[in-house]
Each structure stands twice: as structure tokens, then as C-alpha cells.
Amino acid sequence: MVYPAILINRVSLLLCLDTAMLVLLCVLECLALTGLDVHVWLGFALCPLVLVHVVMQWQWFVTQFQRIRATRAYRVRVNALLNLGLLFMMSAVLGDDASGRTRAKAKRTRRRRGRG
């Protein structure tokens, strides 16, 4: 079977993008390996990769939302609610973790300066 060159290039790009995000996420999980400053910058570097990933997969999102609106889509709706709940929980955990690290860093800085 012959595939168009554009499709092969798109799949290759998505594979590279997803692999880069996976490697970056694995490195981000090991704070002791990178240190806080590098960890923060790697987190910033992950943001545009995620944005490009979402834009390139937008048709998948559209299809999923259309499936949710179908009449007998009970299982699809349950999966969507579970995924949405997971998204909110992970956002809360990561947001709390990031703000906790920021507060801890500010506290260490104040102690070094003799103010706290």
C-alpha cells in the first residue's frame, strides 16, 4: 500500500514530538537529577510541545466531542468524565506542587538573607 508523503511526514513528526515529550516528562519527574532551576526551564520547554501536540491532534478532539453528543454514547460520556476528572486532579496536584516549591524557594532565600 502506498501512503502519501505528507501523511508519513505528519506521522513521523508526531512520533518525534511525542517521544520528545515523554523523555522530557521523565527527566522532569527526577528533580534531584536536574535541580530546581533546570526543572522549571524544562517545564517551560514542555508547554509549547504540548500546545503543538494539541493543535496537530485537533481533529481527534473534534471527533471525540461529536461522539459525546451521539444519542447512545453512554460509555464515551463516562470516559470523557473520567478523563476530565483526571485532568482536574492532575492540574490541582501539579499546581499545588509548583506553588509549594515556589514558597519553599522564597523561604530559603529569606533565610539566607537573614529575614526569616
C-alpha atoms as a PDB file:
ATOM      1  CA  MET A   1       0.000   0.000   0.000  1.00  0.00           C
ATOM      2  CA  VAL A   2       1.316   3.450  -0.909  1.00  0.00           C
ATOM      3  CA  TYR A   3       0.893   6.268   1.590  1.00  0.00           C
ATOM      4  CA  PRO A   4       1.104   9.953   0.663  1.00  0.00           C
ATOM      5  CA  ALA A   5       4.368  11.594   1.662  1.00  0.00           C
ATOM      6  CA  ILE A   6       2.501  14.218   3.709  1.00  0.00           C
ATOM      7  CA  LEU A   7       0.908  11.530   5.877  1.00  0.00           C
ATOM      8  CA  ILE A   8       4.246   9.828   6.502  1.00  0.00           C
ATOM      9  CA  ASN A   9       5.859  13.169   7.384  1.00  0.00           C
ATOM     10  CA  ARG A  10       2.983  14.020   9.757  1.00  0.00           C
ATOM     11  CA  VAL A  11       3.207  10.643  11.479  1.00  0.00           C
ATOM     12  CA  SER A  12       6.982  10.965  11.769  1.00  0.00           C
ATOM     13  CA  LEU A  13       6.646  14.445  13.220  1.00  0.00           C
ATOM     14  CA  LEU A  14       4.036  13.294  15.730  1.00  0.00           C
ATOM     15  CA  LEU A  15       6.206  10.352  16.730  1.00  0.00           C
ATOM     16  CA  CYS A  16       9.205  12.624  17.298  1.00  0.00           C
ATOM     17  CA  LEU A  17       7.094  15.166  19.170  1.00  0.00           C
ATOM     18  CA  ASP A  18       5.513  12.547  21.439  1.00  0.00           C
ATOM     19  CA  THR A  19       8.897  10.923  22.076  1.00  0.00           C
ATOM     20  CA  ALA A  20      10.413  14.284  22.990  1.00  0.00           C
ATOM     21  CA  MET A  21       7.530  14.999  25.367  1.00  0.00           C
ATOM     22  CA  LEU A  22       7.899  11.574  27.001  1.00  0.00           C
ATOM     23  CA  VAL A  23      11.649  11.970  27.508  1.00  0.00           C
ATOM     24  CA  LEU A  24      11.192  15.498  28.832  1.00  0.00           C
ATOM     25  CA  LEU A  25       8.486  14.358  31.222  1.00  0.00           C
ATOM     26  CA  CYS A  26      10.681  11.533  32.527  1.00  0.00           C
ATOM     27  CA  VAL A  27      13.522  13.989  33.137  1.00  0.00           C
ATOM     28  CA  LEU A  28      11.115  16.409  34.807  1.00  0.00           C
ATOM     29  CA  GLU A  29       9.993  13.722  37.238  1.00  0.00           C
ATOM     30  CA  CYS A  30      13.521  13.432  38.648  1.00  0.00           C
ATOM     31  CA  LEU A  31      14.045  16.763  40.382  1.00  0.00           C
ATOM     32  CA  ALA A  32      17.231  15.530  42.058  1.00  0.00           C
ATOM     33  CA  LEU A  33      18.753  14.943  38.622  1.00  0.00           C
ATOM     34  CA  THR A  34      18.125  18.414  37.248  1.00  0.00           C
ATOM     35  CA  GLY A  35      17.855  20.755  40.194  1.00  0.00           C
ATOM     36  CA  LEU A  36      15.039  23.250  40.647  1.00  0.00           C
ATOM     37  CA  ASP A  37      16.134  25.896  38.152  1.00  0.00           C
ATOM     38  CA  VAL A  38      16.674  23.468  35.256  1.00  0.00           C
ATOM     39  CA  HIS A  39      13.444  21.699  36.250  1.00  0.00           C
ATOM     40  CA  VAL A  40      11.500  24.944  35.881  1.00  0.00           C
ATOM     41  CA  TRP A  41      13.025  25.739  32.481  1.00  0.00           C
ATOM     42  CA  LEU A  42      12.384  22.213  31.207  1.00  0.00           C
ATOM     43  CA  GLY A  43       8.777  22.614  32.340  1.00  0.00           C
ATOM     44  CA  PHE A  44       8.550  25.814  30.326  1.00  0.00           C
ATOM     45  CA  ALA A  45      10.045  23.985  27.330  1.00  0.00           C
ATOM     46  CA  LEU A  46       7.352  21.298  27.617  1.00  0.00           C
ATOM     47  CA  CYS A  47       4.493  23.818  27.302  1.00  0.00           C
ATOM     48  CA  PRO A  48       4.935  24.685  23.600  1.00  0.00           C
ATOM     49  CA  LEU A  49       5.420  20.998  22.777  1.00  0.00           C
ATOM     50  CA  VAL A  50       2.078  20.195  24.375  1.00  0.00           C
ATOM     51  CA  LEU A  51       0.453  23.084  22.514  1.00  0.00           C
ATOM     52  CA  VAL A  52       1.816  21.861  19.151  1.00  0.00           C
ATOM     53  CA  HIS A  53       0.671  18.319  20.015  1.00  0.00           C
ATOM     54  CA  VAL A  54      -2.875  19.509  20.748  1.00  0.00           C
ATOM     55  CA  VAL A  55      -3.039  21.615  17.580  1.00  0.00           C
ATOM     56  CA  MET A  56      -1.835  18.712  15.439  1.00  0.00           C
ATOM     57  CA  GLN A  57      -4.365  16.351  17.042  1.00  0.00           C
ATOM     58  CA  TRP A  58      -7.273  18.814  16.938  1.00  0.00           C
ATOM     59  CA  GLN A  59      -9.350  16.664  14.583  1.00  0.00           C
ATOM     60  CA  TRP A  60      -9.242  13.863  17.173  1.00  0.00           C
ATOM     61  CA  PHE A  61     -10.680  16.242  19.793  1.00  0.00           C
ATOM     62  CA  VAL A  62     -13.448  17.310  17.394  1.00  0.00           C
ATOM     63  CA  THR A  63     -14.323  13.671  16.687  1.00  0.00           C
ATOM     64  CA  GLN A  64     -14.451  12.839  20.398  1.00  0.00           C
ATOM     65  CA  PHE A  65     -16.758  15.767  21.137  1.00  0.00           C
ATOM     66  CA  GLN A  66     -19.044  14.692  18.298  1.00  0.00           C
ATOM     67  CA  ARG A  67     -19.145  11.165  19.715  1.00  0.00           C
ATOM     68  CA  ILE A  68     -20.136  12.533  23.144  1.00  0.00           C
ATOM     69  CA  ARG A  69     -23.190  14.196  21.595  1.00  0.00           C
ATOM     70  CA  ALA A  70     -24.345  10.956  19.920  1.00  0.00           C
ATOM     71  CA  THR A  71     -27.583   9.522  21.324  1.00  0.00           C
ATOM     72  CA  ARG A  72     -26.320   6.182  22.696  1.00  0.00           C
ATOM     73  CA  ALA A  73     -22.847   7.239  23.764  1.00  0.00           C
ATOM     74  CA  TYR A  74     -23.029   6.253  27.438  1.00  0.00           C
ATOM     75  CA  ARG A  75     -19.556   4.705  27.540  1.00  0.00           C
ATOM     76  CA  VAL A  76     -17.975   7.614  25.661  1.00  0.00           C
ATOM     77  CA  ARG A  77     -19.546  10.086  28.102  1.00  0.00           C
ATOM     78  CA  VAL A  78     -18.316   8.135  31.129  1.00  0.00           C
ATOM     79  CA  ASN A  79     -14.795   8.005  29.660  1.00  0.00           C
ATOM     80  CA  ALA A  80     -14.903  11.740  28.950  1.00  0.00           C
ATOM     81  CA  LEU A  81     -15.994  12.494  32.531  1.00  0.00           C
ATOM     82  CA  LEU A  82     -13.257  10.266  33.950  1.00  0.00           C
ATOM     83  CA  ASN A  83     -10.630  11.929  31.756  1.00  0.00           C
ATOM     84  CA  LEU A  84     -11.887  15.376  32.711  1.00  0.00           C
ATOM     85  CA  GLY A  85     -11.722  14.435  36.397  1.00  0.00           C
ATOM     86  CA  LEU A  86      -8.178  13.153  35.916  1.00  0.00           C
ATOM     87  CA  LEU A  87      -7.209  16.396  34.173  1.00  0.00           C
ATOM     88  CA  PHE A  88      -8.552  18.498  37.067  1.00  0.00           C
ATOM     89  CA  MET A  89      -6.880  16.319  39.710  1.00  0.00           C
ATOM     90  CA  MET A  90      -3.509  16.389  37.948  1.00  0.00           C
ATOM     91  CA  SER A  91      -3.790  20.162  37.468  1.00  0.00           C
ATOM     92  CA  ALA A  92      -4.503  20.593  41.167  1.00  0.00           C
ATOM     93  CA  VAL A  93      -1.605  18.355  42.193  1.00  0.00           C
ATOM     94  CA  LEU A  94       0.877  19.948  39.809  1.00  0.00           C
ATOM     95  CA  GLY A  95      -0.310  23.468  40.620  1.00  0.00           C
ATOM     96  CA  ASP A  96      -0.053  22.834  44.358  1.00  0.00           C
ATOM     97  CA  ASP A  97       3.353  21.217  43.907  1.00  0.00           C
ATOM     98  CA  ALA A  98       4.643  24.155  41.870  1.00  0.00           C
ATOM     99  CA  SER A  99       3.335  26.746  44.321  1.00  0.00           C
ATOM    100  CA  GLY A 100       4.795  24.755  47.231  1.00  0.00           C
ATOM    101  CA  ARG A 101       8.219  24.711  45.593  1.00  0.00           C
ATOM    102  CA  THR A 102       7.983  28.428  44.915  1.00  0.00           C
ATOM    103  CA  ARG A 103       7.094  29.139  48.538  1.00  0.00           C
ATOM    104  CA  ALA A 104       9.917  26.876  49.762  1.00  0.00           C
ATOM    105  CA  LYS A 105      12.431  28.615  47.493  1.00  0.00           C
ATOM    106  CA  ALA A 106      11.276  32.053  48.702  1.00  0.00           C
ATOM    107  CA  LYS A 107      11.601  30.886  52.307  1.00  0.00           C
ATOM    108  CA  ARG A 108      15.159  29.620  51.709  1.00  0.00           C
ATOM    109  CA  THR A 109      16.072  32.936  50.078  1.00  0.00           C
ATOM    110  CA  ARG A 110      14.703  34.903  53.039  1.00  0.00           C
ATOM    111  CA  ARG A 111      16.657  32.689  55.469  1.00  0.00           C
ATOM    112  CA  ARG A 112      19.883  33.251  53.552  1.00  0.00           C
ATOM    113  CA  ARG A 113      19.344  36.996  53.708  1.00  0.00           C
ATOM    114  CA  GLY A 114      18.631  36.794  57.440  1.00  0.00           C
ATOM    115  CA  ARG A 115      14.994  37.874  57.243  1.00  0.00           C
ATOM    116  CA  GLY A 116      13.152  34.742  58.219  1.00  0.00           C
END
